[in-house]
Amino acid sequence: MSDLNKPTLGHWINGRRVVGETARRAAVFDPALGKATKEVVLADATEAAAAVEAARLAYEGWSQLSAARRQTVVFRFRELLNSRKEELARIITGEHGKAVSDAAAEVQRGLEVVDLATAFPHLTSGRYAQNVSTGVDVHSVRQPLGVVAVISPFNFPAMVPLWFAPIAIAVGNTVVLKPSERVPSAAIWLAELWKAAGLPDGVFNVLQGDRVAVETLLNHPDVQAVSFVGSTPVARSIYESAARVGKRVQAFGGAKNHMLVLADADLDAAADQAVSGGFGSAGERCMAISVVLAEESIADELNARIQERAATLRVGDGRTDPDLGPLITRQHRDRVASYIDIAERDGATVLVDGRHCRVDGHENGFWLGPTLLDRVPTASKAYEDEIFGPVLAVVRVKDLDEGLRLINSSQFGNGTAIFTNDGRAARRFEREVQVGMVGVNVPVPVPVAYFAFGGWKDSLLGDAPAYGPEGFAFFTRHKAVTSRWVTSTTGSLTMAFPGND
């Protein structure tokens, strides 16, 4: 039932806010306060179809604009986003809970992809070959797909949409963005910014909703491609459903990122990076460090240094810029805490326990403090599953060989890191590890925008990573044109397969 005392956030369709006729609503919480601050509309199939139709109608005009005019709009959007990024960061903090400095860093990484998108004329230019056969020339072009859908997660309300939408729009597509219903406001803010930049109505649309909206997008015949970021089970379902009806799909799933610390590593640097990589954004990152594989000889010393640093971390309302904010919902907080219980029952030692974290004045917030577990059995669900919270598990290993074996046996292959001063060990690690993004003395190896983001195994369904040159390839189709201009072809009839001479 709708709460008339709370503001209602709707969709953005064809250049304007639309509340819609659906009676379904969902509460949007401020995680630091532990209370609902607004409602969001959950689209029905009719509203979802209306968003796709707006994008379909806008496609012809937008795709046929010159590259120069589309580039001008993307440049304007980039400048507006850069000038107002602090405003967007505060919006993210109010619904996600992450520290405002962390939210600002998220926006900045998204801005880097917008920078890349402005270079689309160069990155999508074709090739030309003259006289490949007598009087025959060949050239290639890349053309947009049409309407594309972006389904983004709660943990990066701005960065993930900015991974996809600017590139898709720049090359001539139109977009329907379905943000997480837990963090709906950033998407509307981005839509209004696109309009202010001069983007024609209908090119960028926001569809609020849940499974109904997603299923409509997956099954709609006018949606040509789907970009998704979320858990592996949902990514697999998205991938299978969209591929079954012939759509192009990139579906990013879960992670269980390991950081291997060898005995020769700088332990102060390793401890610093384990803490920032494991506890930053309260662990709600697909690239968070979840497991530290420590060589046995230095495990106790490394644990002690991590404990020292964890003790200094401040947990609080993200608007006060603490080290960690709250988790996204009470249910998720309880789920993360349950994994600490599981690890303890399975024989792990709890060195730092965040289950009893409290924040004065915010007693109803969804708090869980930094947690450090030692000697976590690899058969434990606390080791195997993606926890998605500020829980760092330490597993002791004998050497590089055992570390590689554990990492490569994981179902996930998103990110990993090695900390060492041995160049030979680092080189072997980056060559043999079965993970898509690798850090050497870097804990969260998210590539810069002109390299691709994407994992292996259950961390990415399909073979199309985000942004970089591969992002432009995903949102365009290749076309090759072979042409001959001659006065006459009389006497050239042949039934043989055409050759080149």
Protein backbone atom coordinates (compact mmCIF):
# COMPACT_ATOMS: atom_id res chain seq x y z
CA MET A 1 0.00 0.00 0.00
CA SER A 2 1.26 3.47 -0.85
CA ASP A 3 2.33 5.82 1.94
CA LEU A 4 0.97 9.26 1.08
CA ASN A 5 3.40 10.91 3.49
CA LYS A 6 6.46 9.84 1.48
CA PRO A 7 7.51 11.14 -1.94
CA THR A 8 7.06 8.74 -4.84
CA LEU A 9 9.73 8.27 -7.48
CA GLY A 10 8.59 7.10 -10.89
CA HIS A 11 10.05 6.42 -14.32
CA TRP A 12 11.71 8.64 -16.92
CA ILE A 13 10.07 7.97 -20.28
CA ASN A 14 10.39 10.05 -23.44
CA GLY A 15 12.09 12.95 -21.68
CA ARG A 16 9.86 13.39 -18.64
CA ARG A 17 9.06 11.95 -15.23
CA VAL A 18 6.20 9.46 -15.26
CA VAL A 19 4.64 8.09 -12.07
CA GLY A 20 2.45 5.61 -13.93
CA GLU A 21 -0.78 3.89 -13.09
CA THR A 22 0.56 0.78 -11.39
CA ALA A 23 -0.51 0.30 -7.77
CA ARG A 24 2.68 -1.50 -6.85
CA ARG A 25 5.24 0.46 -4.84
CA ALA A 26 8.40 -0.41 -2.90
CA ALA A 27 9.93 1.41 0.04
CA VAL A 28 13.33 3.06 -0.47
CA PHE A 29 15.40 3.06 2.71
CA ASP A 30 18.10 5.27 4.11
CA PRO A 31 20.36 2.48 5.45
CA ALA A 32 22.04 4.68 8.04
CA LEU A 33 18.68 5.66 9.55
CA GLY A 34 17.06 2.28 9.04
CA LYS A 35 13.84 3.80 7.77
CA ALA A 36 12.03 4.35 4.50
CA THR A 37 12.37 7.86 3.09
CA LYS A 38 10.51 7.50 -0.20
CA GLU A 39 8.64 5.06 -2.42
CA VAL A 40 9.47 3.89 -5.90
CA VAL A 41 6.99 2.77 -8.54
CA LEU A 42 7.32 -0.84 -9.71
CA ALA A 43 6.43 -0.97 -13.39
CA ASP A 44 3.88 -3.32 -14.86
CA ALA A 45 4.30 -4.81 -18.32
CA THR A 46 2.42 -1.94 -19.98
CA GLU A 47 4.71 0.71 -18.49
CA ALA A 48 7.78 -1.33 -19.39
CA ALA A 49 6.56 -1.61 -22.97
CA ALA A 50 5.98 2.15 -23.06
CA ALA A 51 9.64 2.77 -22.15
CA VAL A 52 10.79 0.45 -24.94
CA GLU A 53 8.41 2.10 -27.40
CA ALA A 54 9.78 5.54 -26.56
CA ALA A 55 13.29 4.27 -27.19
CA ARG A 56 12.24 2.60 -30.45
CA LEU A 57 10.64 5.77 -31.80
CA ALA A 58 13.70 7.84 -30.85
CA TYR A 59 16.16 5.43 -32.45
CA GLU A 60 15.82 6.40 -36.10
CA GLY A 61 16.38 10.09 -35.53
CA TRP A 62 19.22 9.65 -33.06
CA SER A 63 21.08 6.98 -35.03
CA GLN A 64 20.96 9.08 -38.18
CA LEU A 65 22.42 12.19 -36.59
CA SER A 66 25.98 12.92 -37.63
CA ALA A 67 28.77 11.65 -35.43
CA ALA A 68 29.73 15.26 -34.77
CA ARG A 69 26.32 16.15 -33.35
CA ARG A 70 26.14 13.02 -31.18
CA GLN A 71 29.65 13.70 -29.95
CA THR A 72 28.65 17.23 -28.96
CA VAL A 73 25.88 15.88 -26.73
CA VAL A 74 28.20 13.40 -25.05
CA PHE A 75 30.76 16.15 -24.44
CA ARG A 76 28.09 18.36 -22.85
CA PHE A 77 26.95 15.48 -20.65
CA ARG A 78 30.54 14.89 -19.59
CA GLU A 79 31.01 18.51 -18.58
CA LEU A 80 27.72 18.67 -16.68
CA LEU A 81 28.50 15.44 -14.84
CA ASN A 82 31.94 16.67 -13.88
CA SER A 83 30.59 19.97 -12.58
CA ARG A 84 27.84 18.35 -10.51
CA LYS A 85 29.41 15.07 -9.41
CA GLU A 86 29.36 15.97 -5.70
CA GLU A 87 25.58 16.33 -5.92
CA LEU A 88 25.25 12.86 -7.40
CA ALA A 89 27.55 11.42 -4.73
CA ARG A 90 25.26 12.71 -1.98
CA ILE A 91 22.23 11.14 -3.67
CA ILE A 92 24.03 7.78 -3.79
CA THR A 93 24.98 7.97 -0.12
CA GLY A 94 21.41 8.68 0.93
CA GLU A 95 20.11 5.45 -0.62
CA HIS A 96 23.09 3.11 -0.65
CA GLY A 97 24.77 4.26 2.56
CA LYS A 98 28.39 4.27 1.38
CA ALA A 99 30.68 7.06 2.53
CA VAL A 100 30.25 10.19 0.43
CA SER A 101 33.94 10.09 -0.55
CA ASP A 102 33.45 6.53 -1.78
CA ALA A 103 30.36 7.60 -3.72
CA ALA A 104 32.36 10.45 -5.28
CA ALA A 105 35.05 7.97 -6.34
CA GLU A 106 32.34 5.81 -7.93
CA VAL A 107 31.10 8.77 -9.97
CA GLN A 108 34.65 9.62 -11.00
CA ARG A 109 35.25 6.11 -12.35
CA GLY A 110 32.02 6.38 -14.31
CA LEU A 111 33.13 9.73 -15.65
CA GLU A 112 36.22 8.05 -17.08
CA VAL A 113 33.96 5.91 -19.28
CA VAL A 114 32.14 9.03 -20.48
CA ASP A 115 35.55 10.43 -21.41
CA LEU A 116 36.14 7.28 -23.45
CA ALA A 117 32.72 7.53 -25.09
CA THR A 118 33.58 10.93 -26.54
CA ALA A 119 36.20 9.16 -28.68
CA PHE A 120 33.63 6.94 -30.39
CA PRO A 121 34.20 8.24 -33.96
CA HIS A 122 37.76 6.95 -33.81
CA LEU A 123 36.94 3.73 -31.93
CA THR A 124 34.13 2.70 -34.29
CA SER A 125 35.69 3.73 -37.60
CA GLY A 126 35.83 1.01 -40.24
CA ARG A 127 38.50 -0.09 -42.68
CA TYR A 128 38.91 0.35 -46.42
CA ALA A 129 40.81 -1.82 -48.88
CA GLN A 130 41.10 -0.82 -52.53
CA ASN A 131 41.37 -3.16 -55.50
CA VAL A 132 41.23 -6.38 -53.46
CA SER A 133 40.25 -7.99 -56.74
CA THR A 134 40.18 -6.44 -60.19
CA GLY A 135 38.00 -3.37 -59.88
CA VAL A 136 36.72 -4.47 -56.46
CA ASP A 137 36.95 -2.48 -53.22
CA VAL A 138 35.92 -3.52 -49.70
CA HIS A 139 35.07 -1.37 -46.74
CA SER A 140 33.58 -2.06 -43.31
CA VAL A 141 31.37 -0.05 -40.97
CA ARG A 142 30.02 -0.48 -37.46
CA GLN A 143 26.35 0.35 -37.00
CA PRO A 144 24.19 0.66 -33.85
CA LEU A 145 21.88 -2.12 -32.72
CA GLY A 146 18.70 -0.22 -31.83
CA VAL A 147 17.10 -0.31 -28.37
CA VAL A 148 19.37 -1.70 -25.65
CA ALA A 149 18.56 -2.47 -22.00
CA VAL A 150 20.81 -1.92 -19.00
CA ILE A 151 19.92 -3.69 -15.74
CA SER A 152 22.11 -2.34 -12.95
CA PRO A 153 22.73 -3.40 -9.31
CA PHE A 154 22.29 -1.58 -6.02
CA ASN A 155 25.97 -1.28 -5.12
CA PHE A 156 26.98 1.15 -7.89
CA PRO A 157 23.91 3.25 -8.76
CA ALA A 158 25.91 5.61 -11.01
CA MET A 159 29.08 3.84 -12.09
CA VAL A 160 27.49 0.73 -13.60
CA PRO A 161 24.95 2.67 -15.72
CA LEU A 162 27.86 4.87 -16.82
CA TRP A 163 29.80 1.78 -17.90
CA PHE A 164 27.22 1.10 -20.58
CA ALA A 165 24.84 3.94 -21.42
CA PRO A 166 27.34 6.60 -22.66
CA ILE A 167 28.97 4.16 -25.07
CA ALA A 168 25.63 2.79 -26.29
CA ILE A 169 24.24 6.29 -26.80
CA ALA A 170 27.36 7.69 -28.43
CA VAL A 171 27.36 5.07 -31.19
CA GLY A 172 23.68 5.67 -31.97
CA ASN A 173 21.61 3.31 -29.80
CA THR A 174 18.76 4.24 -27.49
CA VAL A 175 18.68 2.98 -23.90
CA VAL A 176 16.22 1.72 -21.31
CA LEU A 177 17.91 1.62 -17.88
CA LYS A 178 16.35 -0.54 -15.14
CA PRO A 179 18.11 0.44 -11.89
CA SER A 180 17.82 -1.47 -8.64
CA GLU A 181 14.62 -0.54 -6.87
CA ARG A 182 16.69 -0.07 -3.71
CA VAL A 183 18.61 2.88 -5.19
CA PRO A 184 16.36 4.49 -7.82
CA SER A 185 17.19 8.20 -7.57
CA ALA A 186 20.61 8.32 -9.24
CA ALA A 187 19.15 6.99 -12.49
CA ILE A 188 16.54 9.75 -12.68
CA TRP A 189 19.24 12.33 -11.89
CA LEU A 190 21.34 11.00 -14.78
CA ALA A 191 18.32 11.11 -17.10
CA GLU A 192 17.71 14.77 -16.29
CA LEU A 193 21.39 15.49 -16.89
CA TRP A 194 21.25 13.84 -20.31
CA LYS A 195 18.27 16.04 -21.20
CA ALA A 196 20.12 19.15 -20.02
CA ALA A 197 23.02 18.11 -22.28
CA GLY A 198 20.70 18.17 -25.30
CA LEU A 199 19.92 14.47 -25.68
CA PRO A 200 16.65 14.08 -27.61
CA ASP A 201 13.66 12.72 -25.72
CA GLY A 202 13.37 8.95 -25.76
CA VAL A 203 17.06 8.22 -26.26
CA PHE A 204 17.65 7.56 -22.55
CA ASN A 205 14.78 6.16 -20.48
CA VAL A 206 14.60 4.92 -16.89
CA LEU A 207 12.24 2.10 -15.99
CA GLN A 208 11.79 1.57 -12.26
CA GLY A 209 10.74 -1.88 -11.21
CA ASP A 210 11.49 -5.44 -10.27
CA ARG A 211 11.22 -8.81 -11.96
CA VAL A 212 8.21 -7.78 -14.04
CA ALA A 213 10.19 -4.96 -15.67
CA VAL A 214 13.19 -7.22 -16.25
CA GLU A 215 11.15 -9.99 -17.87
CA THR A 216 9.42 -7.51 -20.15
CA LEU A 217 12.77 -6.16 -21.34
CA LEU A 218 14.16 -9.66 -21.85
CA ASN A 219 11.19 -10.77 -23.95
CA HIS A 220 10.42 -7.57 -25.85
CA PRO A 221 11.20 -8.02 -29.57
CA ASP A 222 12.44 -4.43 -29.94
CA VAL A 223 15.19 -4.81 -27.32
CA GLN A 224 18.31 -5.88 -29.19
CA ALA A 225 20.84 -6.25 -26.38
CA VAL A 226 20.96 -6.58 -22.60
CA SER A 227 23.72 -5.53 -20.20
CA PHE A 228 23.34 -6.89 -16.67
CA VAL A 229 25.36 -6.72 -13.44
CA GLY A 230 24.35 -8.72 -10.37
CA SER A 231 24.59 -12.14 -8.75
CA THR A 232 25.63 -15.22 -10.72
CA PRO A 233 22.28 -17.06 -10.45
CA VAL A 234 20.44 -14.05 -11.83
CA ALA A 235 23.15 -13.41 -14.43
CA ARG A 236 22.78 -16.97 -15.66
CA SER A 237 19.00 -16.62 -15.89
CA ILE A 238 19.33 -13.28 -17.74
CA TYR A 239 21.90 -14.73 -20.13
CA GLU A 240 19.88 -17.82 -20.94
CA SER A 241 16.57 -15.98 -21.32
CA ALA A 242 17.93 -13.22 -23.54
CA ALA A 243 20.07 -15.51 -25.68
CA ARG A 244 17.11 -17.84 -26.21
CA VAL A 245 15.25 -15.07 -28.03
CA GLY A 246 18.27 -13.94 -30.00
CA LYS A 247 19.44 -10.92 -28.03
CA ARG A 248 23.05 -9.92 -27.56
CA VAL A 249 23.94 -10.34 -23.86
CA GLN A 250 26.67 -9.40 -21.40
CA ALA A 251 25.81 -10.68 -17.91
CA PHE A 252 28.22 -9.96 -15.08
CA GLY A 253 27.84 -12.26 -12.08
CA GLY A 254 29.33 -12.74 -8.63
CA ALA A 255 32.85 -12.94 -7.30
CA LYS A 256 35.04 -14.35 -4.57
CA ASN A 257 38.24 -12.39 -5.00
CA HIS A 258 41.45 -13.79 -3.50
CA MET A 259 44.54 -11.82 -2.51
CA LEU A 260 47.68 -13.96 -2.25
CA VAL A 261 50.37 -12.62 0.09
CA LEU A 262 53.78 -14.26 -0.25
CA ALA A 263 56.38 -14.26 2.50
CA ASP A 264 58.61 -11.71 0.76
CA ALA A 265 55.82 -9.10 0.43
CA ASP A 266 55.84 -5.74 2.18
CA LEU A 267 53.47 -6.70 5.00
CA ASP A 268 52.54 -3.13 5.92
CA ALA A 269 51.48 -2.45 2.33
CA ALA A 270 49.68 -5.81 2.15
CA ALA A 271 47.80 -5.11 5.40
CA ASP A 272 46.81 -1.63 4.22
CA GLN A 273 45.48 -2.98 0.96
CA ALA A 274 43.73 -5.98 2.52
CA VAL A 275 41.83 -3.58 4.78
CA SER A 276 40.89 -1.13 2.02
CA GLY A 277 40.12 -3.88 -0.49
CA GLY A 278 38.14 -5.99 1.95
CA PHE A 279 36.25 -3.40 4.00
CA GLY A 280 35.86 -0.46 1.60
CA SER A 281 32.21 0.28 0.77
CA ALA A 282 31.38 -2.22 3.57
CA GLY A 283 32.49 -5.00 1.24
CA GLU A 284 29.59 -4.38 -1.14
CA ARG A 285 31.74 -4.46 -4.27
CA CYS A 286 32.07 -7.18 -6.88
CA MET A 287 35.81 -6.44 -6.83
CA ALA A 288 36.17 -6.51 -3.03
CA ILE A 289 38.87 -8.70 -1.53
CA SER A 290 37.03 -11.54 0.20
CA VAL A 291 39.89 -13.95 0.94
CA VAL A 292 43.49 -13.37 1.93
CA LEU A 293 45.70 -16.36 1.13
CA ALA A 294 48.67 -15.87 3.45
CA GLU A 295 51.82 -17.94 3.38
CA GLU A 296 51.96 -19.74 6.71
CA SER A 297 55.25 -18.20 7.81
CA ILE A 298 53.85 -14.64 7.79
CA ALA A 299 50.15 -15.29 8.48
CA ASP A 300 50.22 -14.39 12.18
CA GLU A 301 52.16 -11.21 11.55
CA LEU A 302 49.87 -10.19 8.70
CA ASN A 303 46.79 -10.87 10.81
CA ALA A 304 48.15 -8.70 13.60
CA ARG A 305 48.70 -5.80 11.22
CA ILE A 306 45.24 -6.15 9.71
CA GLN A 307 43.74 -6.22 13.23
CA GLU A 308 45.58 -3.02 14.15
CA ARG A 309 44.22 -1.22 11.12
CA ALA A 310 40.70 -2.61 11.48
CA ALA A 311 40.56 -1.27 15.02
CA THR A 312 41.02 2.28 13.73
CA LEU A 313 38.15 2.16 11.22
CA ARG A 314 35.13 4.32 11.89
CA VAL A 315 31.68 2.99 11.03
CA GLY A 316 28.91 5.55 10.62
CA ASP A 317 26.48 7.54 8.51
CA GLY A 318 28.00 7.91 5.05
CA ARG A 319 27.19 11.64 5.05
CA THR A 320 29.79 12.13 7.81
CA ASP A 321 32.35 10.40 5.56
CA PRO A 322 33.31 7.47 7.80
CA ASP A 323 35.51 4.58 6.69
CA LEU A 324 32.51 2.26 6.37
CA GLY A 325 28.81 2.96 6.03
CA PRO A 326 25.88 0.62 6.66
CA LEU A 327 24.82 -2.35 4.57
CA ILE A 328 22.02 -1.87 2.07
CA THR A 329 19.15 -3.56 3.98
CA ARG A 330 18.46 -5.16 7.34
CA GLN A 331 17.96 -8.51 5.61
CA HIS A 332 21.32 -8.28 3.87
CA ARG A 333 23.04 -7.27 7.12
CA ASP A 334 21.58 -10.35 8.82
CA ARG A 335 22.63 -12.58 5.92
CA VAL A 336 26.22 -11.34 6.05
CA ALA A 337 26.30 -11.83 9.83
CA SER A 338 25.07 -15.40 9.38
CA TYR A 339 28.23 -16.23 7.43
CA ILE A 340 30.32 -15.22 10.43
CA ASP A 341 28.28 -17.70 12.47
CA ILE A 342 28.86 -20.37 9.82
CA ALA A 343 32.61 -19.77 9.74
CA GLU A 344 32.81 -19.98 13.53
CA ARG A 345 30.86 -23.25 13.60
CA ASP A 346 33.15 -24.64 10.91
CA GLY A 347 36.24 -23.98 13.00
CA ALA A 348 37.41 -20.51 11.95
CA THR A 349 38.77 -18.07 14.53
CA VAL A 350 37.04 -14.70 14.74
CA LEU A 351 39.85 -12.20 15.23
CA VAL A 352 37.73 -9.08 14.66
CA ASP A 353 33.96 -9.39 15.18
CA GLY A 354 31.64 -6.85 13.55
CA ARG A 355 28.35 -8.47 14.55
CA HIS A 356 27.73 -6.20 17.51
CA CYS A 357 28.54 -2.90 15.81
CA ARG A 358 26.47 0.07 16.98
CA VAL A 359 26.46 3.71 15.89
CA ASP A 360 25.34 6.30 18.42
CA GLY A 361 22.29 8.20 17.29
CA HIS A 362 21.64 5.73 14.48
CA GLU A 363 20.54 2.69 16.43
CA ASN A 364 18.19 1.52 13.67
CA GLY A 365 20.82 1.56 10.92
CA PHE A 366 21.92 -1.58 9.13
CA TRP A 367 25.34 -1.85 10.73
CA LEU A 368 27.99 -4.54 10.54
CA GLY A 369 31.56 -3.72 11.46
CA PRO A 370 34.79 -4.98 9.90
CA THR A 371 35.26 -8.69 10.53
CA LEU A 372 38.45 -10.72 10.24
CA LEU A 373 38.31 -14.53 10.21
CA ASP A 374 41.42 -16.73 10.46
CA ARG A 375 41.90 -20.37 9.47
CA VAL A 376 38.68 -20.50 7.47
CA PRO A 377 38.20 -24.05 6.13
CA THR A 378 37.95 -24.13 2.36
CA ALA A 379 34.96 -26.48 2.66
CA SER A 380 33.02 -23.83 4.60
CA LYS A 381 30.24 -21.86 2.92
CA ALA A 382 31.92 -18.81 4.42
CA TYR A 383 34.82 -19.52 2.06
CA GLU A 384 32.87 -20.71 -0.98
CA ASP A 385 29.99 -18.22 -1.19
CA GLU A 386 30.03 -14.57 -2.14
CA ILE A 387 29.23 -12.84 1.17
CA PHE A 388 29.13 -9.24 -0.10
CA GLY A 389 29.93 -7.58 3.21
CA PRO A 390 32.89 -6.41 5.32
CA VAL A 391 34.08 -9.94 6.11
CA LEU A 392 37.68 -10.85 5.32
CA ALA A 393 38.61 -14.53 5.48
CA VAL A 394 42.24 -15.59 5.95
CA VAL A 395 43.28 -18.98 4.57
CA ARG A 396 46.84 -20.15 5.24
CA VAL A 397 48.76 -21.68 2.34
CA LYS A 398 52.15 -23.30 1.98
CA ASP A 399 53.33 -21.50 -1.13
CA LEU A 400 52.51 -19.98 -4.49
CA ASP A 401 51.49 -23.35 -5.90
CA GLU A 402 48.81 -23.90 -3.27
CA GLY A 403 47.60 -20.33 -3.63
CA LEU A 404 47.18 -20.70 -7.38
CA ARG A 405 45.40 -24.01 -6.93
CA LEU A 406 42.83 -22.53 -4.56
CA ILE A 407 42.17 -19.49 -6.73
CA ASN A 408 41.83 -21.54 -9.89
CA SER A 409 39.47 -24.04 -8.24
CA SER A 410 36.95 -21.29 -7.41
CA GLN A 411 33.77 -21.12 -9.48
CA PHE A 412 34.37 -17.38 -9.82
CA GLY A 413 37.06 -15.56 -11.78
CA ASN A 414 36.41 -11.85 -11.43
CA GLY A 415 39.43 -10.24 -9.74
CA THR A 416 42.52 -11.39 -7.89
CA ALA A 417 45.80 -9.98 -6.59
CA ILE A 418 49.26 -11.07 -5.54
CA PHE A 419 51.49 -9.20 -3.10
CA THR A 420 55.16 -9.98 -3.55
CA ASN A 421 58.53 -8.43 -4.33
CA ASP A 422 59.51 -11.41 -6.50
CA GLY A 423 59.08 -10.53 -10.15
CA ARG A 424 59.29 -14.16 -11.25
CA ALA A 425 56.49 -15.16 -8.88
CA ALA A 426 54.35 -12.25 -10.03
CA ARG A 427 54.92 -13.09 -13.68
CA ARG A 428 54.00 -16.71 -13.14
CA PHE A 429 50.89 -15.70 -11.18
CA GLU A 430 49.55 -13.36 -13.85
CA ARG A 431 50.19 -15.97 -16.53
CA GLU A 432 48.67 -18.98 -14.76
CA VAL A 433 45.81 -17.56 -12.68
CA GLN A 434 42.38 -18.20 -14.21
CA VAL A 435 40.86 -14.82 -13.46
CA GLY A 436 39.91 -11.96 -15.77
CA MET A 437 41.39 -9.03 -13.82
CA VAL A 438 44.70 -9.39 -12.00
CA GLY A 439 46.52 -7.05 -9.63
CA VAL A 440 50.21 -7.16 -8.79
CA ASN A 441 50.55 -5.32 -5.48
CA VAL A 442 47.18 -3.77 -6.37
CA PRO A 443 44.22 -5.15 -4.37
CA VAL A 444 41.26 -4.03 -6.50
CA PRO A 445 42.45 -4.28 -10.12
CA VAL A 446 39.61 -2.46 -11.86
CA PRO A 447 41.01 -1.52 -15.29
CA VAL A 448 41.05 2.04 -16.57
CA ALA A 449 38.26 2.82 -19.02
CA TYR A 450 40.26 2.17 -22.18
CA PHE A 451 40.89 -1.43 -21.09
CA ALA A 452 37.98 -3.85 -20.71
CA PHE A 453 36.32 -4.84 -17.42
CA GLY A 454 35.29 -8.49 -17.21
CA GLY A 455 35.85 -11.70 -15.31
CA TRP A 456 36.04 -15.37 -16.22
CA LYS A 457 34.00 -18.44 -15.33
CA ASP A 458 30.81 -17.71 -13.34
CA SER A 459 31.74 -14.03 -13.03
CA LEU A 460 30.81 -13.28 -16.66
CA LEU A 461 28.25 -15.08 -18.76
CA GLY A 462 29.08 -14.47 -22.39
CA ASP A 463 32.32 -13.13 -23.76
CA ALA A 464 31.61 -9.40 -23.92
CA PRO A 465 33.32 -7.36 -21.19
CA ALA A 466 32.33 -3.83 -20.24
CA TYR A 467 33.72 -0.61 -21.72
CA GLY A 468 37.08 -0.39 -23.49
CA PRO A 469 37.17 -1.21 -27.23
CA GLU A 470 35.10 -4.32 -26.50
CA GLY A 471 32.28 -2.15 -25.20
CA PHE A 472 32.01 -0.37 -28.54
CA ALA A 473 32.01 -3.72 -30.33
CA PHE A 474 29.17 -4.97 -28.11
CA PHE A 475 26.91 -2.02 -28.91
CA THR A 476 27.52 -2.09 -32.67
CA ARG A 477 27.20 -4.55 -35.54
CA HIS A 478 29.87 -5.07 -38.14
CA LYS A 479 28.98 -4.73 -41.81
CA ALA A 480 31.33 -5.42 -44.73
CA VAL A 481 30.60 -3.93 -48.18
CA THR A 482 32.19 -5.30 -51.35
CA SER A 483 31.74 -3.09 -54.43
CA ARG A 484 32.71 -3.03 -58.11
CA TRP A 485 32.37 -0.06 -60.44
CA VAL A 486 33.09 -1.04 -64.02
CA THR A 487 31.72 -0.01 -67.42
CA SER A 488 30.49 -3.47 -68.42
CA THR A 489 30.55 -7.06 -67.10
CA THR A 490 29.37 -8.64 -70.36
CA GLY A 491 30.82 -12.09 -70.81
CA SER A 492 31.73 -12.50 -67.16
CA LEU A 493 28.95 -14.97 -66.27
CA THR A 494 30.23 -17.86 -64.14
CA MET A 495 28.57 -20.30 -61.75
CA ALA A 496 31.74 -20.90 -59.72
CA PHE A 497 32.20 -19.48 -56.27
CA PRO A 498 33.64 -15.97 -56.76
CA GLY A 499 37.38 -15.72 -56.37
CA ASN A 500 39.77 -12.79 -56.21
CA ASP A 501 42.31 -12.10 -58.91
